Every structure is written in structure tokens, then in C-alpha cells.
Protein backbone atom coordinates (compact mmCIF):
# COMPACT_ATOMS: atom_id res chain seq x y z
CA UNK A 1 -4.82 5.73 4.28
CA UNK A 2 -1.18 6.75 4.70
CA UNK A 3 1.36 5.18 7.06
CA UNK A 4 4.92 6.29 7.84
CA UNK A 5 7.66 4.49 9.75
CA UNK A 6 10.94 5.96 10.93
CA UNK A 7 12.50 2.55 11.54
CA UNK A 8 15.23 1.26 9.23
CA UNK A 9 13.78 -2.26 9.03
CA UNK A 10 12.39 -4.08 6.03
CA UNK A 11 8.88 -3.04 7.00
CA UNK A 12 7.77 -2.57 3.40
CA UNK A 13 7.59 -6.38 3.17
CA UNK A 14 5.41 -6.55 6.26
CA UNK A 15 3.22 -3.78 4.83
CA UNK A 16 2.85 -5.63 1.53
CA UNK A 17 1.91 -8.89 3.29
CA UNK A 18 -0.56 -7.12 5.62
CA UNK A 19 -2.32 -5.39 2.71
CA UNK A 20 -2.57 -8.68 0.80
CA UNK A 21 -4.02 -10.37 3.90
CA UNK A 22 -6.65 -7.63 4.23
CA UNK A 23 -7.62 -7.98 0.55
CA UNK A 24 -7.72 -11.77 0.83
CA UNK A 25 -9.87 -11.65 3.99
CA UNK A 26 -12.24 -9.21 2.27
CA UNK A 27 -12.56 -11.43 -0.80
CA UNK A 28 -13.70 -14.42 1.28
CA UNK A 29 -15.91 -12.40 3.64
CA UNK A 30 -13.81 -12.49 6.82
CA UNK A 31 -13.58 -8.71 7.01
CA UNK A 32 -15.08 -5.82 5.11
CA UNK A 33 -13.01 -3.03 3.58
CA UNK A 34 -14.94 0.27 3.60
CA UNK A 35 -15.94 1.43 0.11
CA UNK A 36 -14.21 4.77 0.69
CA UNK A 37 -10.85 3.07 1.39
CA UNK A 38 -9.31 2.87 -2.08
CA UNK A 39 -5.63 2.33 -1.37
CA UNK A 40 -2.99 2.56 1.33
CA UNK A 41 0.37 4.29 1.12
CA UNK A 42 3.39 3.29 3.21
CA UNK A 43 6.63 5.22 3.44
CA UNK A 44 9.74 5.05 5.56
CA UNK A 45 13.19 6.55 5.95
CA UNK A 46 14.65 3.41 4.35
CA UNK A 47 15.19 3.56 0.58
CA UNK A 48 14.98 0.23 -1.27
CA UNK A 49 17.79 0.35 -3.86
CA UNK A 50 16.63 -2.91 -5.48
CA UNK A 51 13.20 -1.47 -6.24
CA UNK A 52 14.35 2.14 -6.37
CA UNK A 53 11.57 3.31 -4.11
CA UNK A 54 10.76 4.63 -0.67
CA UNK A 55 6.96 4.81 -0.96
CA UNK A 56 4.72 1.77 -1.49
CA UNK A 57 1.04 1.59 -2.40
CA UNK A 58 -1.43 -1.25 -2.29
CA UNK A 59 -4.94 -0.99 -3.71
CA UNK A 60 -7.99 -2.37 -1.94
CA UNK A 61 -10.25 -1.90 -4.95
CA UNK A 62 -10.10 -1.53 -8.70
CA UNK A 63 -8.97 2.07 -9.10
CA UNK A 64 -10.32 4.55 -11.63
CA UNK A 65 -9.00 7.99 -12.53
CA UNK A 66 -7.66 10.10 -10.90
CA UNK A 67 -6.88 7.57 -8.14
CA UNK A 68 -5.14 5.16 -10.51
CA UNK A 69 -2.71 7.90 -11.56
CA UNK A 70 -2.13 8.94 -7.94
CA UNK A 71 -1.24 5.39 -6.88
CA UNK A 72 1.06 4.92 -9.90
CA UNK A 73 2.76 8.27 -9.27
CA UNK A 74 3.36 7.36 -5.63
CA UNK A 75 4.88 4.00 -6.63
CA UNK A 76 7.46 5.93 -8.64
CA UNK A 77 8.75 7.84 -5.59
């Protein structure tokens, strides 16, 4: 799943918290994450100079190759 925002807010924090909530809910049985949903990518026009990134990824499952490399590569953008 890929999401893009053209707002200049600190939405990457909201994205990170939302993805952690989804994973937490799935781990205790509140909601189910589809098996085919491996990770989510979020990007925005705002560049985070502290982290040096503009694209963020959060995994919903333990990733194997090639998906692990894809997620790591995206984190570096």
C-alpha cells in the first residue's frame, strides 16, 4: 500500500503511529491484516532533515526477500 500527502505537516509521525496501532490491533485480534499486505509506504512533499528522508515504510509482517530489500531501499529515500 502506498500513500502520498501534499501537505507540509508532520504527517509522517501520524503515519508511524497509525501503522503501529494497526500492527498492535492485529497482534491482539482486534483487526486482521490481510496476508497480502506486507508493508505500507508513505511519502510527502516535506523532507525530514533530522532523519534525512521523505519516504517512510512500516512493515505489517516479517519480510523476506525481495520485499525486505525494497522496504530498506525506500527507507533510504
